[in-house]
Amino acid sequence: MGSKETPKEKRERLRQNELKNNPTGSLNEGLKKAENGNLVDLSGGMGWKGTGLLILVLVLGFIIYNFIFR
């Protein structure tokens, strides 16, 4: 019985092959992604503690903003 490849491993393998075969295309994609980034990528990279801290900072910033500019 051969080893089963998980979907995550398959995506990573395909991404690595794409990087080898087309380095300038992946550079262009990376630049465009940096311009348009999304919240899912941000929170996915931080984990649950980082995401909770980010939400807390945003809420506190909103409350402070309301007290100052009211």
N, C-alpha and C. Protein backbone atom coordinates (compact mmCIF):
# COMPACT_ATOMS: atom_id res chain seq x y z
N MET A 1 0.84 -1.18 0.00
CA MET A 1 0.00 0.00 0.00
C MET A 1 0.89 1.25 0.00
N GLY A 2 0.70 2.14 -0.96
CA GLY A 2 1.49 3.35 -1.06
C GLY A 2 1.05 4.40 -0.06
N SER A 3 1.92 5.37 0.13
CA SER A 3 1.57 6.43 1.08
C SER A 3 0.55 7.38 0.43
N LYS A 4 -0.46 7.72 1.20
CA LYS A 4 -1.49 8.64 0.70
C LYS A 4 -1.01 10.07 0.90
N GLU A 5 -1.23 10.88 -0.11
CA GLU A 5 -0.84 12.28 -0.05
C GLU A 5 -2.06 13.11 0.35
N THR A 6 -1.92 13.89 1.40
CA THR A 6 -3.04 14.72 1.84
C THR A 6 -3.22 15.88 0.87
N PRO A 7 -4.41 16.48 0.84
CA PRO A 7 -4.62 17.63 -0.05
C PRO A 7 -3.63 18.77 0.22
N LYS A 8 -3.29 18.98 1.49
CA LYS A 8 -2.34 20.05 1.83
C LYS A 8 -0.97 19.75 1.24
N GLU A 9 -0.53 18.50 1.34
CA GLU A 9 0.76 18.11 0.78
C GLU A 9 0.76 18.22 -0.73
N LYS A 10 -0.37 17.86 -1.35
CA LYS A 10 -0.47 17.94 -2.81
C LYS A 10 -0.39 19.39 -3.28
N ARG A 11 -1.10 20.29 -2.57
CA ARG A 11 -1.04 21.71 -2.93
C ARG A 11 0.38 22.25 -2.81
N GLU A 12 1.06 21.86 -1.73
CA GLU A 12 2.43 22.33 -1.53
C GLU A 12 3.36 21.79 -2.61
N ARG A 13 3.19 20.52 -2.98
CA ARG A 13 4.02 19.93 -4.03
C ARG A 13 3.79 20.64 -5.37
N LEU A 14 2.52 20.91 -5.69
CA LEU A 14 2.21 21.61 -6.94
C LEU A 14 2.75 23.03 -6.92
N ARG A 15 2.69 23.68 -5.76
CA ARG A 15 3.21 25.04 -5.66
C ARG A 15 4.73 25.05 -5.86
N GLN A 16 5.40 24.08 -5.27
CA GLN A 16 6.86 23.98 -5.43
C GLN A 16 7.24 23.72 -6.89
N ASN A 17 6.47 22.86 -7.56
CA ASN A 17 6.74 22.61 -8.98
C ASN A 17 6.53 23.86 -9.81
N GLU A 18 5.50 24.62 -9.50
CA GLU A 18 5.23 25.86 -10.23
C GLU A 18 6.36 26.86 -10.00
N LEU A 19 6.88 26.93 -8.79
CA LEU A 19 7.99 27.83 -8.52
C LEU A 19 9.23 27.45 -9.32
N LYS A 20 9.48 26.15 -9.45
CA LYS A 20 10.64 25.70 -10.23
C LYS A 20 10.46 26.00 -11.71
N ASN A 21 9.27 25.77 -12.23
CA ASN A 21 9.03 25.89 -13.66
C ASN A 21 8.80 27.32 -14.13
N ASN A 22 8.30 28.19 -13.27
CA ASN A 22 7.94 29.53 -13.70
C ASN A 22 8.24 30.55 -12.60
N PRO A 23 9.52 30.86 -12.36
CA PRO A 23 9.86 31.75 -11.25
C PRO A 23 9.36 33.18 -11.45
N THR A 24 9.34 33.69 -12.68
CA THR A 24 8.89 35.08 -12.87
C THR A 24 7.39 35.20 -12.71
N GLY A 25 6.64 34.17 -13.08
CA GLY A 25 5.19 34.19 -12.89
C GLY A 25 4.82 34.20 -11.43
N SER A 26 5.55 33.42 -10.64
CA SER A 26 5.25 33.40 -9.20
C SER A 26 5.66 34.72 -8.55
N LEU A 27 6.70 35.37 -9.07
CA LEU A 27 7.10 36.68 -8.55
C LEU A 27 6.00 37.69 -8.81
N ASN A 28 5.47 37.68 -10.02
CA ASN A 28 4.38 38.59 -10.38
C ASN A 28 3.15 38.33 -9.52
N GLU A 29 2.83 37.07 -9.31
CA GLU A 29 1.67 36.71 -8.48
C GLU A 29 1.88 37.19 -7.04
N GLY A 30 3.10 37.04 -6.54
CA GLY A 30 3.40 37.48 -5.18
C GLY A 30 3.27 38.98 -5.03
N LEU A 31 3.70 39.73 -6.04
CA LEU A 31 3.57 41.18 -5.98
C LEU A 31 2.11 41.62 -6.00
N LYS A 32 1.32 40.98 -6.84
CA LYS A 32 -0.10 41.32 -6.91
C LYS A 32 -0.81 40.94 -5.61
N LYS A 33 -0.43 39.80 -5.03
CA LYS A 33 -1.06 39.37 -3.79
C LYS A 33 -0.70 40.33 -2.66
N ALA A 34 0.52 40.85 -2.67
CA ALA A 34 0.93 41.80 -1.64
C ALA A 34 0.12 43.09 -1.75
N GLU A 35 -0.21 43.48 -2.97
CA GLU A 35 -1.01 44.69 -3.16
C GLU A 35 -2.44 44.50 -2.67
N ASN A 36 -3.00 43.33 -2.92
CA ASN A 36 -4.42 43.11 -2.65
C ASN A 36 -4.67 42.25 -1.43
N GLY A 37 -3.66 41.78 -0.72
CA GLY A 37 -3.77 40.85 0.39
C GLY A 37 -5.17 40.71 0.99
N ASN A 38 -5.44 39.65 1.67
CA ASN A 38 -6.75 39.48 2.26
C ASN A 38 -6.63 39.08 3.73
N LEU A 39 -7.72 39.21 4.45
CA LEU A 39 -7.74 38.96 5.88
C LEU A 39 -7.53 37.49 6.21
N VAL A 40 -7.96 36.61 5.34
CA VAL A 40 -7.80 35.18 5.59
C VAL A 40 -6.32 34.82 5.65
N ASP A 41 -5.51 35.35 4.73
CA ASP A 41 -4.08 35.07 4.76
C ASP A 41 -3.44 35.65 6.00
N LEU A 42 -3.87 36.84 6.39
CA LEU A 42 -3.31 37.48 7.58
C LEU A 42 -3.61 36.67 8.82
N SER A 43 -4.87 36.34 9.03
CA SER A 43 -5.24 35.63 10.25
C SER A 43 -4.77 34.18 10.23
N GLY A 44 -4.70 33.57 9.06
CA GLY A 44 -4.24 32.18 8.97
C GLY A 44 -2.78 32.04 9.36
N GLY A 45 -1.99 33.05 9.09
CA GLY A 45 -0.57 33.00 9.43
C GLY A 45 -0.29 33.28 10.89
N MET A 46 -1.20 33.96 11.58
CA MET A 46 -0.95 34.36 12.97
C MET A 46 -1.40 33.33 13.99
N GLY A 47 -2.37 32.52 13.68
CA GLY A 47 -2.91 31.59 14.66
C GLY A 47 -4.01 32.26 15.46
N TRP A 48 -4.60 31.52 16.39
CA TRP A 48 -5.77 32.06 17.10
C TRP A 48 -5.40 33.14 18.11
N LYS A 49 -4.21 33.05 18.71
CA LYS A 49 -3.81 34.08 19.67
C LYS A 49 -3.53 35.41 18.97
N GLY A 50 -2.84 35.35 17.86
CA GLY A 50 -2.55 36.57 17.11
C GLY A 50 -3.81 37.21 16.56
N THR A 51 -4.74 36.38 16.08
CA THR A 51 -6.00 36.89 15.55
C THR A 51 -6.81 37.55 16.66
N GLY A 52 -6.85 36.91 17.84
CA GLY A 52 -7.56 37.50 18.98
C GLY A 52 -6.95 38.83 19.39
N LEU A 53 -5.63 38.90 19.40
CA LEU A 53 -4.95 40.15 19.74
C LEU A 53 -5.25 41.24 18.71
N LEU A 54 -5.25 40.89 17.44
CA LEU A 54 -5.57 41.85 16.40
C LEU A 54 -6.99 42.39 16.57
N ILE A 55 -7.94 41.53 16.85
CA ILE A 55 -9.33 41.95 17.06
C ILE A 55 -9.42 42.86 18.28
N LEU A 56 -8.72 42.50 19.35
CA LEU A 56 -8.73 43.31 20.57
C LEU A 56 -8.16 44.70 20.31
N VAL A 57 -7.07 44.78 19.58
CA VAL A 57 -6.46 46.08 19.26
C VAL A 57 -7.41 46.91 18.40
N LEU A 58 -8.07 46.29 17.44
CA LEU A 58 -9.01 47.03 16.60
C LEU A 58 -10.20 47.56 17.41
N VAL A 59 -10.74 46.75 18.30
CA VAL A 59 -11.87 47.18 19.13
C VAL A 59 -11.44 48.31 20.06
N LEU A 60 -10.29 48.16 20.73
CA LEU A 60 -9.80 49.21 21.62
C LEU A 60 -9.51 50.50 20.85
N GLY A 61 -8.96 50.38 19.68
CA GLY A 61 -8.70 51.56 18.85
C GLY A 61 -9.99 52.26 18.47
N PHE A 62 -11.01 51.50 18.17
CA PHE A 62 -12.31 52.09 17.82
C PHE A 62 -12.92 52.82 19.02
N ILE A 63 -12.82 52.22 20.20
CA ILE A 63 -13.37 52.84 21.41
C ILE A 63 -12.62 54.13 21.73
N ILE A 64 -11.30 54.10 21.67
CA ILE A 64 -10.50 55.30 21.93
C ILE A 64 -10.80 56.39 20.91
N TYR A 65 -10.93 56.01 19.65
CA TYR A 65 -11.27 56.97 18.60
C TYR A 65 -12.61 57.66 18.90
N ASN A 66 -13.60 56.89 19.35
CA ASN A 66 -14.90 57.47 19.67
C ASN A 66 -14.83 58.44 20.84
N PHE A 67 -14.01 58.14 21.85
CA PHE A 67 -13.87 59.06 22.99
C PHE A 67 -13.17 60.35 22.60
N ILE A 68 -12.19 60.28 21.73
CA ILE A 68 -11.42 61.47 21.37
C ILE A 68 -12.20 62.37 20.41
N PHE A 69 -12.86 61.81 19.43
CA PHE A 69 -13.50 62.61 18.38
C PHE A 69 -15.01 62.73 18.55
N ARG A 70 -15.52 62.60 19.75
CA ARG A 70 -16.95 62.76 19.98
C ARG A 70 -17.29 64.10 20.47
